[in-house]
N, C-alpha and C. Protein backbone atom coordinates (compact mmCIF):
# COMPACT_ATOMS: atom_id res chain seq x y z
N UNK A 1 -129.35 58.29 -60.05
CA UNK A 1 -129.45 59.00 -61.31
C UNK A 1 -128.32 58.39 -61.49
N UNK A 2 -127.15 58.17 -61.21
CA UNK A 2 -126.08 57.35 -61.09
C UNK A 2 -126.23 55.70 -62.13
N UNK A 3 -127.17 55.38 -62.24
CA UNK A 3 -127.61 54.36 -62.93
C UNK A 3 -127.92 54.87 -64.81
N UNK A 4 -128.00 56.07 -64.46
CA UNK A 4 -128.64 56.94 -65.48
C UNK A 4 -127.63 57.10 -66.47
N UNK A 5 -126.72 57.40 -65.98
CA UNK A 5 -125.06 57.82 -66.00
C UNK A 5 -124.26 56.64 -66.95
N UNK A 6 -125.04 55.86 -65.69
CA UNK A 6 -124.38 53.93 -66.38
C UNK A 6 -124.74 53.69 -67.33
N UNK A 7 -125.49 54.09 -67.96
CA UNK A 7 -126.47 53.47 -68.95
C UNK A 7 -126.37 54.39 -70.98
N UNK A 8 -126.19 55.14 -69.98
CA UNK A 8 -125.44 56.68 -71.10
C UNK A 8 -123.82 56.51 -71.02
N UNK A 9 -123.47 56.14 -70.52
CA UNK A 9 -122.20 55.77 -70.85
C UNK A 9 -122.12 54.56 -71.74
N UNK A 10 -122.56 53.05 -70.96
CA UNK A 10 -122.59 52.01 -72.31
C UNK A 10 -123.19 52.04 -73.62
N UNK A 11 -124.44 53.07 -73.65
CA UNK A 11 -124.76 53.50 -74.84
C UNK A 11 -124.20 54.21 -75.71
N UNK A 12 -123.28 55.14 -75.16
CA UNK A 12 -122.22 55.81 -75.91
C UNK A 12 -121.20 54.67 -76.59
N UNK A 13 -120.49 54.00 -75.88
CA UNK A 13 -119.77 52.69 -76.00
C UNK A 13 -120.02 52.25 -76.78
N UNK A 14 -121.13 51.41 -77.11
CA UNK A 14 -121.62 51.18 -77.68
C UNK A 14 -121.95 51.24 -79.37
N UNK A 15 -122.46 53.00 -79.07
CA UNK A 15 -122.49 53.25 -80.66
C UNK A 15 -121.13 54.33 -81.19
N UNK A 16 -120.25 54.19 -80.17
CA UNK A 16 -118.71 54.13 -80.68
C UNK A 16 -118.12 53.13 -81.15
N UNK A 17 -118.68 51.84 -80.59
CA UNK A 17 -117.86 50.77 -81.12
C UNK A 17 -118.56 50.29 -83.05
N UNK A 18 -119.92 50.52 -83.25
CA UNK A 18 -120.10 50.73 -84.04
C UNK A 18 -120.28 51.61 -85.01
N UNK A 19 -119.54 52.61 -85.24
CA UNK A 19 -118.96 53.91 -85.38
C UNK A 19 -117.69 53.68 -86.34
N UNK A 20 -116.84 52.85 -85.30
CA UNK A 20 -115.49 52.21 -85.13
C UNK A 20 -115.60 51.25 -86.45
N UNK A 21 -116.54 49.78 -86.21
CA UNK A 21 -116.64 49.24 -87.35
C UNK A 21 -117.43 49.23 -88.59
N UNK A 22 -117.92 49.97 -88.94
CA UNK A 22 -118.11 51.02 -90.25
C UNK A 22 -116.82 51.99 -90.77
N UNK A 23 -116.51 52.23 -90.32
CA UNK A 23 -115.25 52.78 -90.55
C UNK A 23 -113.80 51.96 -91.13
N UNK A 24 -113.87 50.54 -89.70
CA UNK A 24 -112.75 49.36 -90.36
C UNK A 24 -113.30 49.19 -91.82
N UNK A 25 -114.91 48.76 -91.84
CA UNK A 25 -115.34 47.82 -92.80
C UNK A 25 -114.83 48.94 -94.24
N UNK A 26 -115.10 50.37 -94.03
CA UNK A 26 -114.74 51.18 -94.77
C UNK A 26 -113.32 51.23 -95.45
N UNK A 27 -112.40 50.97 -94.76
CA UNK A 27 -111.34 51.55 -94.72
C UNK A 27 -110.75 50.26 -95.51
N UNK A 28 -111.34 49.30 -95.19
CA UNK A 28 -111.18 48.08 -95.73
C UNK A 28 -111.56 47.56 -97.40
N UNK A 29 -112.41 48.42 -97.36
CA UNK A 29 -113.04 48.15 -98.81
C UNK A 29 -112.17 48.95 -99.69
N UNK A 30 -111.85 49.81 -99.59
CA UNK A 30 -111.17 51.13 -99.82
C UNK A 30 -109.91 50.48 -100.04
N UNK A 31 -109.27 49.95 -99.57
CA UNK A 31 -107.99 48.74 -100.03
C UNK A 31 -107.94 47.86 -100.59
N UNK A 32 -109.16 47.32 -100.65
CA UNK A 32 -109.20 46.03 -101.92
C UNK A 32 -109.29 47.04 -102.61
N UNK A 33 -110.35 47.92 -103.09
CA UNK A 33 -110.52 49.25 -104.75
C UNK A 33 -109.54 48.50 -104.56
N UNK A 34 -108.27 49.95 -103.80
CA UNK A 34 -107.32 50.07 -105.06
C UNK A 34 -106.10 49.39 -104.80
N UNK A 35 -106.20 48.43 -104.53
CA UNK A 35 -105.53 46.67 -104.86
C UNK A 35 -105.91 46.61 -106.20
N UNK A 36 -107.12 46.52 -106.44
CA UNK A 36 -107.60 45.96 -107.77
C UNK A 36 -107.15 46.94 -109.11
N UNK A 37 -107.44 48.31 -108.62
CA UNK A 37 -107.22 48.99 -109.35
C UNK A 37 -105.78 49.07 -109.46
N UNK A 38 -104.64 49.39 -108.31
CA UNK A 38 -103.30 49.31 -109.22
C UNK A 38 -103.36 48.24 -109.87
N UNK A 39 -103.48 46.79 -109.35
CA UNK A 39 -103.22 45.13 -110.18
C UNK A 39 -103.35 45.66 -111.78
N UNK A 40 -104.47 46.31 -112.12
CA UNK A 40 -105.08 46.31 -113.53
C UNK A 40 -103.65 47.71 -114.19
N UNK A 41 -103.52 48.57 -113.21
CA UNK A 41 -102.54 49.44 -113.95
C UNK A 41 -101.71 49.24 -114.10
N UNK A 42 -100.56 48.14 -113.82
CA UNK A 42 -99.77 47.73 -113.57
C UNK A 42 -99.53 46.78 -114.35
N UNK A 43 -101.30 46.16 -114.81
CA UNK A 43 -100.59 45.18 -115.74
C UNK A 43 -100.48 45.47 -117.07
N UNK A 44 -101.57 46.59 -117.31
CA UNK A 44 -102.36 47.30 -118.56
C UNK A 44 -101.14 48.56 -119.00
N UNK A 45 -100.60 48.81 -118.02
CA UNK A 45 -98.82 50.28 -118.32
C UNK A 45 -98.76 50.10 -119.52
N UNK A 46 -98.39 50.89 -120.41
CA UNK A 46 -98.24 50.83 -121.61
C UNK A 46 -96.55 51.97 -121.67
N UNK A 47 -95.89 51.66 -121.85
CA UNK A 47 -94.70 52.16 -121.78
C UNK A 47 -93.89 52.96 -123.43
N UNK A 48 -93.66 54.40 -123.30
CA UNK A 48 -93.36 54.50 -124.82
C UNK A 48 -92.43 55.21 -124.57
N UNK A 49 -91.69 54.95 -125.50
CA UNK A 49 -90.10 55.19 -125.72
C UNK A 49 -89.47 56.26 -127.07
N UNK A 50 -88.78 57.09 -126.81
CA UNK A 50 -88.48 57.88 -127.81
C UNK A 50 -86.96 58.00 -127.61
N UNK A 51 -86.88 56.82 -128.34
CA UNK A 51 -85.20 57.19 -128.16
C UNK A 51 -84.06 57.60 -129.38
N UNK A 52 -82.89 58.21 -129.45
CA UNK A 52 -82.50 59.12 -130.70
C UNK A 52 -82.62 58.54 -132.10
N UNK A 53 -82.82 59.07 -133.24
CA UNK A 53 -82.40 58.04 -134.49
C UNK A 53 -84.02 57.63 -134.51
N UNK A 54 -85.34 57.70 -133.53
CA UNK A 54 -85.82 56.61 -134.11
C UNK A 54 -86.95 58.04 -135.02
N UNK A 55 -88.20 57.19 -135.36
CA UNK A 55 -89.66 57.88 -136.24
C UNK A 55 -90.09 58.08 -135.97
N UNK A 56 -90.58 56.90 -134.55
CA UNK A 56 -91.93 57.01 -134.23
C UNK A 56 -91.92 56.66 -132.40
N UNK A 57 -92.99 56.97 -131.95
CA UNK A 57 -92.84 56.19 -130.80
C UNK A 57 -92.80 55.07 -130.93
N UNK A 58 -91.70 54.38 -129.47
CA UNK A 58 -91.60 53.01 -129.55
C UNK A 58 -92.55 52.48 -128.81
N UNK A 59 -93.39 51.73 -128.64
CA UNK A 59 -94.36 50.93 -127.48
C UNK A 59 -93.95 50.12 -126.88
N UNK A 60 -94.08 49.41 -126.06
CA UNK A 60 -94.11 48.23 -125.24
C UNK A 60 -95.77 47.78 -124.46
N UNK A 61 -96.38 47.00 -124.62
CA UNK A 61 -96.96 47.07 -123.79
C UNK A 61 -96.93 44.94 -123.07
N UNK A 62 -96.82 44.43 -122.20
CA UNK A 62 -96.36 43.17 -122.41
C UNK A 62 -95.31 42.48 -123.44
N UNK A 63 -96.09 42.00 -123.45
CA UNK A 63 -95.22 40.61 -124.86
C UNK A 63 -95.51 41.74 -126.45
N UNK A 64 -96.55 42.45 -126.18
CA UNK A 64 -96.56 43.16 -127.25
C UNK A 64 -96.30 44.72 -127.93
N UNK A 65 -95.37 45.28 -129.09
CA UNK A 65 -94.33 45.84 -129.22
C UNK A 65 -95.35 46.22 -131.37
N UNK A 66 -95.24 47.32 -130.81
CA UNK A 66 -95.43 48.01 -132.35
C UNK A 66 -94.30 48.10 -132.98
N UNK A 67 -94.45 47.96 -134.17
CA UNK A 67 -93.20 47.65 -135.54
C UNK A 67 -92.66 48.68 -135.52
N UNK A 68 -92.12 50.10 -135.01
CA UNK A 68 -90.98 50.49 -134.55
C UNK A 68 -89.70 50.28 -134.34
N UNK A 69 -90.83 49.39 -132.75
CA UNK A 69 -89.60 48.09 -131.90
C UNK A 69 -88.88 47.25 -132.51
N UNK A 70 -89.22 46.57 -133.25
CA UNK A 70 -88.50 45.70 -133.91
C UNK A 70 -88.15 46.66 -135.15
N UNK A 71 -88.44 47.63 -135.67
CA UNK A 71 -87.00 48.05 -136.71
C UNK A 71 -86.18 48.48 -136.02
N UNK A 72 -86.18 49.24 -134.93
CA UNK A 72 -85.09 49.72 -134.46
C UNK A 72 -84.47 48.45 -133.81
N UNK A 73 -84.63 47.64 -133.38
CA UNK A 73 -83.86 46.60 -132.60
C UNK A 73 -83.45 46.00 -134.07
N UNK A 74 -84.62 45.75 -135.45
CA UNK A 74 -83.29 45.00 -136.36
C UNK A 74 -82.11 45.75 -136.43
N UNK A 75 -82.32 47.37 -136.78
CA UNK A 75 -81.20 48.06 -137.48
C UNK A 75 -79.91 48.23 -136.51
N UNK A 76 -80.24 47.68 -135.27
CA UNK A 76 -78.88 47.65 -134.99
C UNK A 76 -78.71 45.99 -134.55
N UNK A 77 -78.90 45.38 -134.67
CA UNK A 77 -78.76 44.04 -135.21
C UNK A 77 -78.21 43.67 -136.10
N UNK A 78 -77.92 44.35 -137.33
CA UNK A 78 -77.82 44.56 -138.71
C UNK A 78 -76.55 45.18 -138.32
N UNK A 79 -76.48 46.46 -137.70
CA UNK A 79 -75.67 47.22 -137.39
C UNK A 79 -74.48 46.07 -136.92
N UNK A 80 -74.65 45.69 -135.69
CA UNK A 80 -73.80 44.82 -135.04
C UNK A 80 -73.48 43.57 -136.15
N UNK A 81 -74.20 42.51 -136.44
CA UNK A 81 -73.61 41.50 -137.37
C UNK A 81 -73.35 41.53 -138.57
N UNK A 82 -72.84 43.10 -139.42
CA UNK A 82 -72.46 43.40 -140.93
C UNK A 82 -71.70 44.71 -140.59
N UNK A 83 -71.68 45.35 -140.18
CA UNK A 83 -70.92 46.69 -139.98
C UNK A 83 -69.58 46.34 -139.18
N UNK A 84 -68.42 45.64 -139.30
CA UNK A 84 -67.54 45.73 -138.09
C UNK A 84 -66.34 46.23 -139.17
N UNK A 85 -64.95 45.70 -138.22
CA UNK A 85 -63.35 45.88 -138.36
C UNK A 85 -63.24 44.74 -138.17
N UNK A 86 -61.51 44.35 -138.49
CA UNK A 86 -61.10 43.38 -136.93
C UNK A 86 -60.82 43.60 -135.95
N UNK A 87 -60.95 45.39 -135.57
CA UNK A 87 -60.69 45.76 -133.88
C UNK A 87 -61.91 45.11 -133.27
N UNK A 88 -63.22 45.67 -134.09
CA UNK A 88 -64.02 46.43 -133.58
C UNK A 88 -65.22 44.95 -133.64
N UNK A 89 -64.87 43.72 -134.22
CA UNK A 89 -65.63 42.80 -134.34
C UNK A 89 -65.87 41.32 -133.06
N UNK A 90 -65.53 41.28 -132.65
CA UNK A 90 -65.03 40.19 -131.10
C UNK A 90 -66.37 41.60 -130.39
N UNK A 91 -66.44 42.43 -130.28
CA UNK A 91 -67.07 43.28 -129.14
C UNK A 91 -68.72 43.27 -129.58
N UNK A 92 -68.38 43.17 -130.60
CA UNK A 92 -70.16 43.92 -130.79
C UNK A 92 -70.80 42.33 -131.41
N UNK A 93 -69.32 41.35 -131.58
CA UNK A 93 -70.06 39.72 -132.14
C UNK A 93 -70.60 39.33 -129.73
N UNK A 94 -70.08 39.95 -129.10
CA UNK A 94 -69.83 40.08 -128.24
C UNK A 94 -71.52 40.36 -127.60
N UNK A 95 -71.60 42.20 -128.12
CA UNK A 95 -73.21 42.66 -127.52
C UNK A 95 -74.29 42.63 -128.22
N UNK A 96 -73.77 41.75 -129.96
CA UNK A 96 -75.29 40.96 -130.20
C UNK A 96 -75.66 39.16 -129.17
N UNK A 97 -74.50 38.53 -129.17
CA UNK A 97 -74.91 37.11 -127.91
C UNK A 97 -75.90 37.50 -127.10
N UNK A 98 -75.58 38.71 -126.88
CA UNK A 98 -76.50 39.19 -125.49
C UNK A 98 -77.44 38.89 -125.70
N UNK A 99 -78.38 39.68 -127.33
CA UNK A 99 -79.47 39.47 -127.59
C UNK A 99 -79.81 38.07 -127.83
N UNK A 100 -78.95 37.18 -128.00
CA UNK A 100 -79.72 35.84 -128.41
C UNK A 100 -80.66 35.56 -127.12
N UNK A 101 -82.05 34.46 -127.72
CA UNK A 101 -82.37 33.27 -126.80
C UNK A 101 -81.72 32.18 -126.16
N UNK A 102 -81.85 32.36 -124.86
CA UNK A 102 -81.20 31.35 -124.55
C UNK A 102 -81.04 29.50 -125.00
N UNK A 103 -82.52 29.77 -125.92
CA UNK A 103 -81.60 28.25 -126.54
C UNK A 103 -81.12 28.32 -127.83
N UNK A 104 -80.97 29.59 -128.33
CA UNK A 104 -80.60 29.78 -129.99
C UNK A 104 -79.18 30.39 -129.71
N UNK A 105 -78.74 30.08 -128.17
CA UNK A 105 -77.46 31.17 -127.79
C UNK A 105 -76.28 29.96 -128.42
N UNK A 106 -75.93 28.86 -128.34
CA UNK A 106 -75.00 28.74 -128.81
C UNK A 106 -74.44 27.82 -129.95
N UNK A 107 -75.68 28.21 -130.68
CA UNK A 107 -75.33 28.05 -131.53
C UNK A 107 -75.19 29.21 -132.61
N UNK A 108 -75.83 30.37 -131.97
CA UNK A 108 -74.94 31.81 -132.70
C UNK A 108 -73.52 31.57 -131.98
N UNK A 109 -73.73 31.66 -130.77
CA UNK A 109 -71.90 31.56 -130.31
C UNK A 109 -70.98 31.13 -131.21
N UNK A 110 -71.21 29.26 -131.70
CA UNK A 110 -70.20 28.92 -132.21
C UNK A 110 -70.61 29.61 -133.72
N UNK A 111 -71.31 30.15 -134.01
CA UNK A 111 -71.65 30.72 -135.82
C UNK A 111 -70.42 32.39 -135.86
N UNK A 112 -70.79 32.95 -134.71
CA UNK A 112 -70.43 34.66 -134.85
C UNK A 112 -68.75 34.45 -134.05
N UNK A 113 -68.76 33.57 -133.38
CA UNK A 113 -67.01 33.75 -133.63
C UNK A 113 -66.28 33.04 -134.24
N UNK A 114 -67.01 32.53 -135.23
CA UNK A 114 -65.91 31.19 -135.91
C UNK A 114 -65.64 32.55 -137.14
N UNK A 115 -66.82 33.47 -137.39
CA UNK A 115 -66.95 34.00 -138.04
C UNK A 115 -65.77 35.66 -137.99
N UNK A 116 -65.79 35.33 -136.40
CA UNK A 116 -65.00 36.82 -135.82
C UNK A 116 -62.92 36.25 -135.93
N UNK A 117 -63.33 34.90 -135.69
CA UNK A 117 -62.17 34.40 -135.90
C UNK A 117 -61.51 34.78 -137.91
N UNK A 118 -62.43 34.60 -138.69
CA UNK A 118 -61.91 35.04 -140.20
C UNK A 118 -61.50 35.90 -140.27
N UNK A 119 -62.37 37.17 -139.56
CA UNK A 119 -62.25 38.39 -139.93
C UNK A 119 -61.25 38.71 -139.67
N UNK A 120 -60.44 38.44 -138.28
CA UNK A 120 -59.46 39.07 -137.72
C UNK A 120 -58.26 38.37 -138.05
N UNK A 121 -58.46 37.29 -139.13
CA UNK A 121 -57.24 36.51 -139.74
C UNK A 121 -56.71 36.88 -140.80
N UNK A 122 -58.35 37.14 -142.00
CA UNK A 122 -58.15 37.72 -142.96
C UNK A 122 -58.21 39.16 -143.15
N UNK A 123 -58.21 40.11 -141.95
CA UNK A 123 -57.83 41.47 -141.28
C UNK A 123 -58.96 42.21 -142.63
N UNK A 124 -60.60 41.72 -142.58
CA UNK A 124 -61.50 42.47 -143.99
C UNK A 124 -62.10 42.80 -142.79
N UNK A 125 -62.98 43.99 -143.28
CA UNK A 125 -64.14 45.19 -142.87
C UNK A 125 -65.10 44.81 -143.67
N UNK A 126 -66.70 45.50 -143.31
CA UNK A 126 -67.51 44.80 -143.80
C UNK A 126 -69.08 46.63 -143.71
N UNK A 127 -69.30 46.56 -144.36
CA UNK A 127 -70.58 47.76 -144.42
C UNK A 127 -71.75 47.92 -144.45
N UNK A 128 -73.01 47.14 -143.71
CA UNK A 128 -74.52 46.96 -144.34
C UNK A 128 -74.81 48.14 -144.69
N UNK A 129 -75.24 48.10 -145.78
CA UNK A 129 -76.72 49.35 -146.11
C UNK A 129 -78.01 48.82 -145.75
N UNK A 130 -79.12 49.04 -144.92
CA UNK A 130 -80.45 48.83 -145.20
C UNK A 130 -81.30 49.27 -146.52
N UNK A 131 -81.85 48.44 -147.03
CA UNK A 131 -82.49 48.94 -148.23
C UNK A 131 -84.31 48.81 -148.04
N UNK A 132 -84.50 47.84 -147.01
CA UNK A 132 -85.56 47.72 -146.73
C UNK A 132 -86.27 46.47 -145.72
N UNK A 133 -86.54 46.65 -145.16
CA UNK A 133 -86.59 46.20 -143.68
C UNK A 133 -88.32 45.60 -143.61
N UNK A 134 -88.17 44.04 -143.40
CA UNK A 134 -89.68 43.40 -143.48
C UNK A 134 -90.02 42.41 -143.03
N UNK A 135 -91.11 42.49 -142.06
CA UNK A 135 -91.85 41.23 -141.20
C UNK A 135 -93.00 41.14 -141.02
N UNK A 136 -92.70 39.64 -140.81
CA UNK A 136 -94.00 38.79 -140.52
C UNK A 136 -94.11 38.58 -138.88
N UNK A 137 -95.14 39.46 -138.40
CA UNK A 137 -95.37 39.43 -136.85
C UNK A 137 -95.73 38.07 -136.64
N UNK A 138 -96.71 37.33 -137.00
CA UNK A 138 -96.81 35.62 -136.78
C UNK A 138 -95.76 34.63 -136.83
N UNK A 139 -95.56 34.54 -137.83
CA UNK A 139 -94.04 33.56 -137.93
C UNK A 139 -92.81 34.39 -136.69
N UNK A 140 -92.88 35.73 -136.53
CA UNK A 140 -91.81 36.05 -135.73
C UNK A 140 -90.53 35.91 -136.22
N UNK A 141 -90.28 36.51 -137.89
CA UNK A 141 -89.65 36.66 -138.25
C UNK A 141 -89.36 37.69 -139.14
N UNK A 142 -88.23 38.48 -139.30
CA UNK A 142 -87.80 39.54 -140.10
C UNK A 142 -86.77 39.90 -141.19
N UNK A 143 -86.99 39.96 -142.37
CA UNK A 143 -86.36 40.11 -143.73
C UNK A 143 -85.72 41.57 -143.50
N UNK A 144 -84.29 41.57 -144.10
CA UNK A 144 -83.61 42.53 -144.37
C UNK A 144 -83.06 42.34 -145.48
N UNK A 145 -83.65 43.49 -146.56
CA UNK A 145 -82.65 43.37 -147.69
C UNK A 145 -81.57 44.18 -147.71
N UNK A 146 -80.58 44.86 -148.41
CA UNK A 146 -79.73 45.93 -148.40
C UNK A 146 -78.28 45.65 -148.81
N UNK A 147 -77.28 46.06 -149.32
CA UNK A 147 -76.43 46.29 -149.87
C UNK A 147 -74.74 46.08 -148.87
N UNK A 148 -73.50 44.85 -149.15
CA UNK A 148 -72.83 44.79 -148.39
C UNK A 148 -71.64 44.68 -148.85
N UNK A 149 -71.00 45.57 -148.51
CA UNK A 149 -69.23 45.70 -149.44
C UNK A 149 -68.22 45.43 -148.11
N UNK A 150 -67.11 44.28 -148.19
CA UNK A 150 -66.28 44.14 -148.08
C UNK A 150 -64.88 44.70 -148.59
N UNK A 151 -63.86 44.68 -146.83
CA UNK A 151 -62.70 45.45 -147.59
C UNK A 151 -61.71 44.80 -146.97
N UNK A 152 -60.52 44.87 -147.78
CA UNK A 152 -59.41 44.31 -147.23
C UNK A 152 -58.26 44.82 -147.62
N UNK A 153 -57.43 45.75 -146.96
CA UNK A 153 -55.79 47.04 -146.79
C UNK A 153 -57.39 47.70 -147.94
N UNK A 154 -57.81 48.33 -147.45
CA UNK A 154 -58.69 49.71 -148.24
C UNK A 154 -59.24 49.71 -149.70
N UNK A 155 -59.58 48.34 -150.10
CA UNK A 155 -59.48 47.68 -151.06
C UNK A 155 -61.01 46.55 -151.54
N UNK A 156 -61.99 47.12 -152.14
CA UNK A 156 -63.33 46.50 -151.92
C UNK A 156 -63.17 45.02 -152.54
N UNK A 157 -63.59 44.18 -151.97
CA UNK A 157 -63.09 42.73 -152.60
C UNK A 157 -64.61 42.36 -152.88
N UNK A 158 -65.37 42.83 -152.32
CA UNK A 158 -66.81 42.30 -152.69
C UNK A 158 -67.98 43.06 -151.83
N UNK A 159 -69.22 43.72 -153.15
CA UNK A 159 -69.99 44.42 -152.97
C UNK A 159 -71.29 42.82 -153.91
N UNK A 160 -72.22 43.18 -152.78
CA UNK A 160 -73.42 42.97 -153.81
C UNK A 160 -74.95 42.92 -152.32
N UNK A 161 -75.54 42.84 -153.36
CA UNK A 161 -76.85 42.60 -152.33
C UNK A 161 -77.35 41.57 -151.53
N UNK A 162 -77.67 41.40 -150.33
CA UNK A 162 -78.03 40.34 -149.74
C UNK A 162 -79.43 40.65 -148.67
N UNK A 163 -79.32 39.45 -148.59
CA UNK A 163 -80.68 39.99 -147.41
C UNK A 163 -81.11 38.68 -146.52
N UNK A 164 -80.95 38.91 -144.85
CA UNK A 164 -80.74 38.23 -144.20
C UNK A 164 -82.11 38.46 -143.85
N UNK A 165 -82.40 37.00 -142.61
CA UNK A 165 -83.63 36.56 -141.98
C UNK A 165 -83.22 36.65 -140.49
N UNK A 166 -83.73 37.53 -139.44
CA UNK A 166 -83.68 37.50 -138.07
C UNK A 166 -84.99 36.51 -137.90
N UNK A 167 -84.99 35.51 -136.93
CA UNK A 167 -85.71 35.11 -135.80
C UNK A 167 -85.81 35.76 -134.96
N UNK A 168 -86.98 36.35 -134.55
CA UNK A 168 -87.10 36.66 -132.70
C UNK A 168 -88.48 36.69 -132.42
N UNK A 169 -88.35 37.04 -130.57
CA UNK A 169 -89.37 37.00 -130.06
C UNK A 169 -89.00 37.33 -129.34
N UNK A 170 -90.32 38.19 -128.27
CA UNK A 170 -90.40 39.30 -127.04
C UNK A 170 -91.00 38.60 -125.88
N UNK A 171 -90.15 39.19 -125.04
CA UNK A 171 -90.04 37.68 -123.63
C UNK A 171 -90.25 38.77 -122.81
N UNK A 172 -90.90 39.30 -122.01
CA UNK A 172 -91.20 40.22 -120.99
C UNK A 172 -91.44 42.03 -121.51
N UNK A 173 -91.32 42.28 -123.07
CA UNK A 173 -91.24 43.42 -123.60
C UNK A 173 -89.35 43.31 -124.01
N UNK A 174 -89.00 42.38 -124.14
CA UNK A 174 -87.17 42.68 -123.93
C UNK A 174 -87.21 41.89 -125.64
N UNK A 175 -86.61 42.27 -126.63
CA UNK A 175 -86.55 41.75 -127.79
C UNK A 175 -85.21 40.39 -128.18
N UNK A 176 -85.35 39.43 -128.45
CA UNK A 176 -84.74 38.41 -128.42
C UNK A 176 -84.33 37.61 -129.51
N UNK A 177 -83.22 37.09 -130.26
CA UNK A 177 -82.81 36.69 -130.89
C UNK A 177 -83.07 35.78 -131.28
N UNK A 178 -83.67 34.63 -132.17
CA UNK A 178 -83.91 33.31 -132.18
C UNK A 178 -82.85 32.64 -133.17
N UNK A 179 -82.53 33.47 -134.14
CA UNK A 179 -82.07 32.54 -135.21
C UNK A 179 -81.43 34.63 -136.55
N UNK A 180 -80.24 33.79 -136.87
CA UNK A 180 -79.67 34.66 -137.77
C UNK A 180 -79.53 34.08 -138.93
N UNK A 181 -80.05 34.37 -140.09
CA UNK A 181 -79.47 33.44 -141.63
C UNK A 181 -79.06 34.38 -142.77
N UNK A 182 -78.94 34.16 -143.75
CA UNK A 182 -78.87 34.55 -145.36
C UNK A 182 -80.34 34.05 -146.19
N UNK A 183 -80.62 34.76 -147.27
CA UNK A 183 -81.76 34.13 -147.21
C UNK A 183 -81.38 33.76 -149.10
N UNK A 184 -81.27 33.05 -149.35
CA UNK A 184 -80.39 32.60 -150.62
C UNK A 184 -82.05 32.99 -151.48
N UNK A 185 -81.55 33.31 -152.40
CA UNK A 185 -82.67 33.87 -153.95
C UNK A 185 -83.80 33.24 -154.03
N UNK A 186 -85.15 33.22 -153.84
CA UNK A 186 -85.85 32.10 -154.54
C UNK A 186 -87.25 32.87 -155.03
N UNK A 187 -87.17 34.19 -155.01
CA UNK A 187 -88.23 35.34 -155.14
C UNK A 187 -87.71 36.34 -154.29
N UNK A 188 -88.12 38.06 -155.47
CA UNK A 188 -88.48 38.95 -154.69
C UNK A 188 -89.58 39.94 -153.94
N UNK A 189 -89.13 39.91 -152.51
CA UNK A 189 -90.31 40.91 -152.05
C UNK A 189 -90.29 41.86 -151.92
N UNK A 190 -91.92 43.04 -153.06
CA UNK A 190 -91.41 43.99 -152.50
C UNK A 190 -92.39 45.13 -152.20
N UNK A 191 -92.94 43.80 -150.61
CA UNK A 191 -93.44 45.08 -149.79
C UNK A 191 -92.81 45.68 -148.39
N UNK A 192 -93.01 46.37 -148.00
CA UNK A 192 -92.40 47.11 -147.16
C UNK A 192 -92.57 47.28 -145.94
């Protein structure tokens, strides 16, 4: 009789071990599937931002951004670079230079700090009013047309249409400037 009890206990333990092994395998597969889905969810997540003043949603997916994202940064860059007073120019240029790509930072720093020195010395203020923004996503540059006005002692000393080119790149969803220059008239572009 004791032998039957011993055999039943051994059979129960073997069945229990098989059941536990089955659950370990099921849990392992569930963890693996969860990891795969988490990886894909993080890789293809889309961030939608609606900052104040934006007309549409701003979307960032990895290194792919929509037009509104680029236009919002363009307005901000133009404001920092070309609408200033002698009291604010250096702080604005410091903030602007923080957006430059590391490869173009030294040239940008030299250009904008020399310009800041000139603005502080001559006590000149400037405003830039954007008319049109046109971008070429393949070449990674933006053309900005507008009216630039310069003031000295509350007198307008310069007023005229200007076109600026902004080179850019998107790195990990961050907008980086690769260059800012004035476009000299060769032809007009009517695209928007």
